PDB file of N, CA and C in Angstrom:
ATOM      1  N   MET A   1      21.028  48.043  -9.818  1.00  0.00           N
ATOM      2  CA  MET A   1      20.517  46.830 -10.389  1.00  0.00           C
ATOM      3  C   MET A   1      21.594  45.736 -10.294  1.00  0.00           C
ATOM      4  N   THR A   2      22.852  46.059 -10.355  1.00  0.00           N
ATOM      5  CA  THR A   2      23.931  45.069 -10.314  1.00  0.00           C
ATOM      6  C   THR A   2      23.960  44.377  -8.938  1.00  0.00           C
ATOM      7  N   GLY A   3      23.712  45.132  -7.912  1.00  0.00           N
ATOM      8  CA  GLY A   3      23.725  44.574  -6.564  1.00  0.00           C
ATOM      9  C   GLY A   3      22.607  43.555  -6.371  1.00  0.00           C
ATOM     10  N   ARG A   4      21.446  43.841  -6.946  1.00  0.00           N
ATOM     11  CA  ARG A   4      20.305  42.948  -6.865  1.00  0.00           C
ATOM     12  C   ARG A   4      20.594  41.614  -7.597  1.00  0.00           C
ATOM     13  N   ARG A   5      21.223  41.726  -8.772  1.00  0.00           N
ATOM     14  CA  ARG A   5      21.551  40.510  -9.535  1.00  0.00           C
ATOM     15  C   ARG A   5      22.581  39.662  -8.779  1.00  0.00           C
ATOM     16  N   ARG A   6      23.547  40.323  -8.198  1.00  0.00           N
ATOM     17  CA  ARG A   6      24.591  39.622  -7.435  1.00  0.00           C
ATOM     18  C   ARG A   6      23.960  38.902  -6.252  1.00  0.00           C
ATOM     19  N   LEU A   7      23.054  39.547  -5.570  1.00  0.00           N
ATOM     20  CA  LEU A   7      22.338  38.932  -4.411  1.00  0.00           C
ATOM     21  C   LEU A   7      21.548  37.738  -4.906  1.00  0.00           C
ATOM     22  N   TRP A   8      20.869  37.868  -6.008  1.00  0.00           N
ATOM     23  CA  TRP A   8      20.033  36.789  -6.573  1.00  0.00           C
ATOM     24  C   TRP A   8      20.963  35.582  -6.908  1.00  0.00           C
ATOM     25  N   ARG A   9      22.105  35.849  -7.514  1.00  0.00           N
ATOM     26  CA  ARG A   9      23.019  34.738  -7.844  1.00  0.00           C
ATOM     27  C   ARG A   9      23.489  34.053  -6.573  1.00  0.00           C
ATOM     28  N   TRP A  10      23.802  34.805  -5.537  1.00  0.00           N
ATOM     29  CA  TRP A  10      24.235  34.199  -4.266  1.00  0.00           C
ATOM     30  C   TRP A  10      23.143  33.341  -3.679  1.00  0.00           C
ATOM     31  N   VAL A  11      21.897  33.830  -3.706  1.00  0.00           N
ATOM     32  CA  VAL A  11      20.802  33.066  -3.163  1.00  0.00           C
ATOM     33  C   VAL A  11      20.639  31.761  -3.957  1.00  0.00           C
ATOM     34  N   VAL A  12      20.712  31.779  -5.236  1.00  0.00           N
ATOM     35  CA  VAL A  12      20.593  30.590  -6.082  1.00  0.00           C
ATOM     36  C   VAL A  12      21.736  29.645  -5.839  1.00  0.00           C
ATOM     37  N   ALA A  13      22.952  30.151  -5.724  1.00  0.00           N
ATOM     38  CA  ALA A  13      24.125  29.288  -5.451  1.00  0.00           C
ATOM     39  C   ALA A  13      24.003  28.633  -4.091  1.00  0.00           C
ATOM     40  N   VAL A  14      23.626  29.353  -3.082  1.00  0.00           N
ATOM     41  CA  VAL A  14      23.434  28.785  -1.726  1.00  0.00           C
ATOM     42  C   VAL A  14      22.360  27.747  -1.731  1.00  0.00           C
ATOM     43  N   TRP A  15      21.230  27.975  -2.467  1.00  0.00           N
ATOM     44  CA  TRP A  15      20.132  27.011  -2.528  1.00  0.00           C
ATOM     45  C   TRP A  15      20.625  25.730  -3.227  1.00  0.00           C
ATOM     46  N   VAL A  16      21.381  25.828  -4.310  1.00  0.00           N
ATOM     47  CA  VAL A  16      21.891  24.663  -5.005  1.00  0.00           C
ATOM     48  C   VAL A  16      22.835  23.844  -4.100  1.00  0.00           C
ATOM     49  N   ILE A  17      23.673  24.519  -3.341  1.00  0.00           N
ATOM     50  CA  ILE A  17      24.579  23.840  -2.424  1.00  0.00           C
ATOM     51  C   ILE A  17      23.827  23.155  -1.334  1.00  0.00           C
ATOM     52  N   VAL A  18      22.799  23.787  -0.788  1.00  0.00           N
ATOM     53  CA  VAL A  18      21.998  23.175   0.287  1.00  0.00           C
ATOM     54  C   VAL A  18      21.303  21.935  -0.248  1.00  0.00           C
ATOM     55  N   VAL A  19      20.728  22.007  -1.423  1.00  0.00           N
ATOM     56  CA  VAL A  19      20.028  20.880  -2.013  1.00  0.00           C
ATOM     57  C   VAL A  19      21.019  19.726  -2.271  1.00  0.00           C
ATOM     58  N   ALA A  20      22.171  20.030  -2.773  1.00  0.00           N
ATOM     59  CA  ALA A  20      23.186  18.983  -3.052  1.00  0.00           C
ATOM     60  C   ALA A  20      23.655  18.309  -1.714  1.00  0.00           C
ATOM     61  N   VAL A  21      23.890  19.107  -0.667  1.00  0.00           N
ATOM     62  CA  VAL A  21      24.332  18.565   0.599  1.00  0.00           C
ATOM     63  C   VAL A  21      23.220  17.741   1.216  1.00  0.00           C
ATOM     64  N   ALA A  22      21.981  18.215   1.142  1.00  0.00           N
ATOM     65  CA  ALA A  22      20.851  17.436   1.721  1.00  0.00           C
ATOM     66  C   ALA A  22      20.657  16.130   0.984  1.00  0.00           C
ATOM     67  N   GLY A  23      20.790  16.122  -0.317  1.00  0.00           N
ATOM     68  CA  GLY A  23      20.677  14.882  -1.069  1.00  0.00           C
ATOM     69  C   GLY A  23      21.811  13.877  -0.752  1.00  0.00           C
ATOM     70  N   GLY A  24      23.033  14.403  -0.597  1.00  0.00           N
ATOM     71  CA  GLY A  24      24.147  13.562  -0.198  1.00  0.00           C
ATOM     72  C   GLY A  24      23.966  13.001   1.183  1.00  0.00           C
ATOM     73  N   LEU A  25      23.464  13.781   2.129  1.00  0.00           N
ATOM     74  CA  LEU A  25      23.219  13.284   3.480  1.00  0.00           C
ATOM     75  C   LEU A  25      22.124  12.219   3.479  1.00  0.00           C
ATOM     76  N   THR A  26      21.110  12.448   2.680  1.00  0.00           N
ATOM     77  CA  THR A  26      20.007  11.441   2.556  1.00  0.00           C
ATOM     78  C   THR A  26      20.550  10.104   2.097  1.00  0.00           C
ATOM     79  N   LEU A  27      21.395  10.118   1.055  1.00  0.00           N
ATOM     80  CA  LEU A  27      21.967   8.853   0.566  1.00  0.00           C
ATOM     81  C   LEU A  27      22.923   8.235   1.530  1.00  0.00           C
ATOM     82  N   TRP A  28      23.702   9.072   2.232  1.00  0.00           N
ATOM     83  CA  TRP A  28      24.693   8.581   3.185  1.00  0.00           C
ATOM     84  C   TRP A  28      24.055   7.953   4.429  1.00  0.00           C
ATOM     85  N   LEU A  29      22.968   8.610   4.891  1.00  0.00           N
ATOM     86  CA  LEU A  29      22.295   8.144   6.141  1.00  0.00           C
ATOM     87  C   LEU A  29      21.290   7.014   5.901  1.00  0.00           C
ATOM     88  N   GLN A  30      21.071   6.606   4.667  1.00  0.00           N
ATOM     89  CA  GLN A  30      20.130   5.562   4.372  1.00  0.00           C
ATOM     90  C   GLN A  30      20.589   4.241   4.978  1.00  0.00           C
ATOM     91  N   ASP A  31      19.645   3.458   5.519  1.00  0.00           N
ATOM     92  CA  ASP A  31      19.963   2.159   6.072  1.00  0.00           C
ATOM     93  C   ASP A  31      20.173   1.143   4.910  1.00  0.00           C
ATOM     94  N   PRO A  32      21.354   0.564   4.809  1.00  0.00           N
ATOM     95  CA  PRO A  32      21.606  -0.356   3.686  1.00  0.00           C
ATOM     96  C   PRO A  32      20.775  -1.623   3.784  1.00  0.00           C
ATOM     97  N   ALA A  33      20.250  -1.976   4.946  1.00  0.00           N
ATOM     98  CA  ALA A  33      19.431  -3.185   5.078  1.00  0.00           C
ATOM     99  C   ALA A  33      18.040  -2.996   4.502  1.00  0.00           C
ATOM    100  N   GLN A  34      17.612  -1.779   4.349  1.00  0.00           N
ATOM    101  CA  GLN A  34      16.269  -1.482   3.816  1.00  0.00           C
ATOM    102  C   GLN A  34      16.282  -1.561   2.308  1.00  0.00           C
ATOM    103  N   PRO A  35      15.152  -1.876   1.735  1.00  0.00           N
ATOM    104  CA  PRO A  35      15.082  -1.857   0.246  1.00  0.00           C
ATOM    105  C   PRO A  35      15.232  -0.433  -0.211  1.00  0.00           C
ATOM    106  N   PRO A  36      15.667  -0.219  -1.466  1.00  0.00           N
ATOM    107  CA  PRO A  36      15.978   1.126  -1.930  1.00  0.00           C
ATOM    108  C   PRO A  36      14.810   2.098  -2.047  1.00  0.00           C
ATOM    109  N   GLY A  37      13.580   1.593  -1.979  1.00  0.00           N
ATOM    110  CA  GLY A  37      12.443   2.502  -2.093  1.00  0.00           C
ATOM    111  C   GLY A  37      11.180   1.848  -1.595  1.00  0.00           C
ATOM    112  N   PRO A  38      10.071   2.574  -1.668  1.00  0.00           N
ATOM    113  CA  PRO A  38       8.799   1.968  -1.190  1.00  0.00           C
ATOM    114  C   PRO A  38       8.234   0.988  -2.173  1.00  0.00           C
ATOM    115  N   TYR A  39       8.843   0.805  -3.339  1.00  0.00           N
ATOM    116  CA  TYR A  39       8.312  -0.058  -4.356  1.00  0.00           C
ATOM    117  C   TYR A  39       8.859  -1.470  -4.139  1.00  0.00           C
ATOM    118  N   ARG A  40       7.962  -2.433  -4.101  1.00  0.00           N
ATOM    119  CA  ARG A  40       8.399  -3.809  -3.968  1.00  0.00           C
ATOM    120  C   ARG A  40       7.292  -4.714  -4.546  1.00  0.00           C
ATOM    121  N   TRP A  41       7.611  -5.945  -4.817  1.00  0.00           N
ATOM    122  CA  TRP A  41       6.622  -6.899  -5.314  1.00  0.00           C
ATOM    123  C   TRP A  41       5.767  -7.348  -4.191  1.00  0.00           C
ATOM    124  N   GLU A  42       4.487  -7.353  -4.390  1.00  0.00           N
ATOM    125  CA  GLU A  42       3.529  -7.797  -3.413  1.00  0.00           C
ATOM    126  C   GLU A  42       2.975  -9.163  -3.830  1.00  0.00           C
ATOM    127  N   LYS A  43       2.714 -10.029  -2.918  1.00  0.00           N
ATOM    128  CA  LYS A  43       2.034 -11.273  -3.257  1.00  0.00           C
ATOM    129  C   LYS A  43       0.556 -10.989  -3.488  1.00  0.00           C
ATOM    130  N   ALA A  44       0.112 -11.377  -4.660  1.00  0.00           N
ATOM    131  CA  ALA A  44      -1.297 -11.136  -5.017  1.00  0.00           C
ATOM    132  C   ALA A  44      -2.022 -12.461  -4.965  1.00  0.00           C
ATOM    133  N   ASP A  45      -2.997 -12.583  -4.090  1.00  0.00           N
ATOM    134  CA  ASP A  45      -3.824 -13.760  -4.009  1.00  0.00           C
ATOM    135  C   ASP A  45      -4.996 -13.582  -4.973  1.00  0.00           C
ATOM    136  N   PRO A  46      -5.498 -14.695  -5.565  1.00  0.00           N
ATOM    137  CA  PRO A  46      -6.635 -14.543  -6.458  1.00  0.00           C
ATOM    138  C   PRO A  46      -7.844 -13.988  -5.725  1.00  0.00           C
ATOM    139  N   SER A  47      -8.730 -13.398  -6.482  1.00  0.00           N
ATOM    140  CA  SER A  47      -9.935 -12.850  -5.926  1.00  0.00           C
ATOM    141  C   SER A  47     -10.823 -13.970  -5.386  1.00  0.00           C
ATOM    142  N   PRO A  48     -11.468 -13.773  -4.235  1.00  0.00           N
ATOM    143  CA  PRO A  48     -12.344 -14.789  -3.710  1.00  0.00           C
ATOM    144  C   PRO A  48     -13.542 -15.011  -4.641  1.00  0.00           C
ATOM    145  N   SER A  49     -13.979 -16.225  -4.691  1.00  0.00           N
ATOM    146  CA  SER A  49     -15.155 -16.538  -5.594  1.00  0.00           C
ATOM    147  C   SER A  49     -16.465 -16.115  -4.884  1.00  0.00           C
ATOM    148  N   LEU A  50     -17.504 -15.974  -5.650  1.00  0.00           N
ATOM    149  CA  LEU A  50     -18.800 -15.604  -5.062  1.00  0.00           C
ATOM    150  C   LEU A  50     -19.388 -16.785  -4.337  1.00  0.00           C
ATOM    151  N   PRO A  51     -20.111 -16.554  -3.270  1.00  0.00           N
ATOM    152  CA  PRO A  51     -20.698 -17.658  -2.503  1.00  0.00           C
ATOM    153  C   PRO A  51     -21.792 -18.358  -3.259  1.00  0.00           C
ATOM    154  N   GLU A  52     -22.094 -19.595  -2.841  1.00  0.00           N
ATOM    155  CA  GLU A  52     -23.140 -20.363  -3.461  1.00  0.00           C
ATOM    156  C   GLU A  52     -24.464 -19.624  -3.303  1.00  0.00           C
ATOM    157  N   GLY A  53     -25.284 -19.633  -4.299  1.00  0.00           N
ATOM    158  CA  GLY A  53     -26.619 -19.070  -4.219  1.00  0.00           C
ATOM    159  C   GLY A  53     -26.671 -17.587  -4.450  1.00  0.00           C
ATOM    160  N   TRP A  54     -25.633 -16.962  -4.959  1.00  0.00           N
ATOM    161  CA  TRP A  54     -25.622 -15.549  -5.122  1.00  0.00           C
ATOM    162  C   TRP A  54     -26.602 -15.117  -6.238  1.00  0.00           C
ATOM    163  N   GLU A  55     -26.866 -16.028  -7.195  1.00  0.00           N
ATOM    164  CA  GLU A  55     -27.772 -15.673  -8.296  1.00  0.00           C
ATOM    165  C   GLU A  55     -29.173 -15.429  -7.741  1.00  0.00           C
ATOM    166  N   SER A  56     -29.642 -16.243  -6.864  1.00  0.00           N
ATOM    167  CA  SER A  56     -31.006 -16.103  -6.308  1.00  0.00           C
ATOM    168  C   SER A  56     -31.064 -14.921  -5.378  1.00  0.00           C
ATOM    169  N   ALA A  57     -29.954 -14.583  -4.669  1.00  0.00           N
ATOM    170  CA  ALA A  57     -29.955 -13.457  -3.770  1.00  0.00           C
ATOM    171  C   ALA A  57     -30.017 -12.125  -4.546  1.00  0.00           C
ATOM    172  N   CYS A  58     -29.481 -12.158  -5.756  1.00  0.00           N
ATOM    173  CA  CYS A  58     -29.418 -10.916  -6.544  1.00  0.00           C
ATOM    174  C   CYS A  58     -30.541 -10.861  -7.614  1.00  0.00           C
ATOM    175  N   ALA A  59     -31.466 -11.817  -7.576  1.00  0.00           N
ATOM    176  CA  ALA A  59     -32.513 -11.837  -8.591  1.00  0.00           C
ATOM    177  C   ALA A  59     -33.479 -10.673  -8.494  1.00  0.00           C
ATOM    178  N   SER A  60     -33.628 -10.111  -7.271  1.00  0.00           N
ATOM    179  CA  SER A  60     -34.567  -9.011  -7.064  1.00  0.00           C
ATOM    180  C   SER A  60     -33.940  -7.659  -7.302  1.00  0.00           C
ATOM    181  N   ALA A  61     -32.684  -7.591  -7.719  1.00  0.00           N
ATOM    182  CA  ALA A  61     -32.029  -6.292  -7.941  1.00  0.00           C
ATOM    183  C   ALA A  61     -32.644  -5.599  -9.143  1.00  0.00           C
ATOM    184  N   THR A  62     -33.084  -4.366  -8.966  1.00  0.00           N
ATOM    185  CA  THR A  62     -33.710  -3.620 -10.011  1.00  0.00           C
ATOM    186  C   THR A  62     -32.646  -2.948 -10.901  1.00  0.00           C
ATOM    187  N   PRO A  63     -32.636  -3.230 -12.211  1.00  0.00           N
ATOM    188  CA  PRO A  63     -31.599  -2.684 -13.055  1.00  0.00           C
ATOM    189  C   PRO A  63     -31.870  -1.165 -13.293  1.00  0.00           C
ATOM    190  N   ASP A  64     -30.770  -0.423 -13.552  1.00  0.00           N
ATOM    191  CA  ASP A  64     -30.899   1.008 -13.859  1.00  0.00           C
ATOM    192  C   ASP A  64     -31.153   1.181 -15.350  1.00  0.00           C
ATOM    193  N   GLU A  65     -31.059   2.420 -15.862  1.00  0.00           N
ATOM    194  CA  GLU A  65     -31.363   2.672 -17.242  1.00  0.00           C
ATOM    195  C   GLU A  65     -30.356   2.004 -18.190  1.00  0.00           C
ATOM    196  N   ASN A  66     -29.166   1.641 -17.717  1.00  0.00           N
ATOM    197  CA  ASN A  66     -28.164   0.957 -18.541  1.00  0.00           C
ATOM    198  C   ASN A  66     -28.254  -0.569 -18.433  1.00  0.00           C
ATOM    199  N   GLY A  67     -29.202  -1.096 -17.642  1.00  0.00           N
ATOM    200  CA  GLY A  67     -29.339  -2.512 -17.480  1.00  0.00           C
ATOM    201  C   GLY A  67     -28.491  -3.134 -16.398  1.00  0.00           C
ATOM    202  N   ARG A  68     -27.872  -2.281 -15.609  1.00  0.00           N
ATOM    203  CA  ARG A  68     -26.972  -2.799 -14.520  1.00  0.00           C
ATOM    204  C   ARG A  68     -27.758  -2.752 -13.205  1.00  0.00           C
ATOM    205  N   GLY A  69     -27.580  -3.754 -12.443  1.00  0.00           N
ATOM    206  CA  GLY A  69     -28.184  -3.790 -11.109  1.00  0.00           C
ATOM    207  C   GLY A  69     -27.159  -3.957 -10.029  1.00  0.00           C
ATOM    208  N   ALA A  70     -27.457  -3.406  -8.870  1.00  0.00           N
ATOM    209  CA  ALA A  70     -26.515  -3.456  -7.747  1.00  0.00           C
ATOM    210  C   ALA A  70     -26.976  -4.545  -6.767  1.00  0.00           C
ATOM    211  N   CYS A  71     -26.018  -5.379  -6.350  1.00  0.00           N
ATOM    212  CA  CYS A  71     -26.330  -6.434  -5.419  1.00  0.00           C
ATOM    213  C   CYS A  71     -25.154  -6.601  -4.475  1.00  0.00           C
ATOM    214  N   VAL A  72     -25.456  -6.641  -3.156  1.00  0.00           N
ATOM    215  CA  VAL A  72     -24.439  -6.822  -2.118  1.00  0.00           C
ATOM    216  C   VAL A  72     -24.642  -8.133  -1.454  1.00  0.00           C
ATOM    217  N   VAL A  73     -23.617  -8.993  -1.449  1.00  0.00           N
ATOM    218  CA  VAL A  73     -23.686 -10.295  -0.797  1.00  0.00           C
ATOM    219  C   VAL A  73     -22.696 -10.276   0.365  1.00  0.00           C
ATOM    220  N   VAL A  74     -23.221 -10.487   1.571  1.00  0.00           N
ATOM    221  CA  VAL A  74     -22.357 -10.431   2.773  1.00  0.00           C
ATOM    222  C   VAL A  74     -22.285 -11.822   3.339  1.00  0.00           C
ATOM    223  N   THR A  75     -21.025 -12.292   3.502  1.00  0.00           N
ATOM    224  CA  THR A  75     -20.817 -13.644   4.100  1.00  0.00           C
ATOM    225  C   THR A  75     -19.876 -13.491   5.311  1.00  0.00           C
ATOM    226  N   ARG A  76     -19.945 -14.440   6.154  1.00  0.00           N
ATOM    227  CA  ARG A  76     -19.070 -14.422   7.332  1.00  0.00           C
ATOM    228  C   ARG A  76     -18.254 -15.647   7.402  1.00  0.00           C
TER     229      ARG A  76
END
């Protein structure tokens, strides 16, 4: 049983060393000109307004049991 524990400890120690070296290499090889992560501020434009006459186009939409109706307005 002692040999199996010793082997398990060696496997865990080698795994920890590999993870630490890989993390260090990742940080070292990173391009400093790049932002530090995929997270960045995006410019958010306001939502486009509905086109003129959408009320009459959606007047024939049949509401469901909750009183909501589906209407699709396509513009080009």
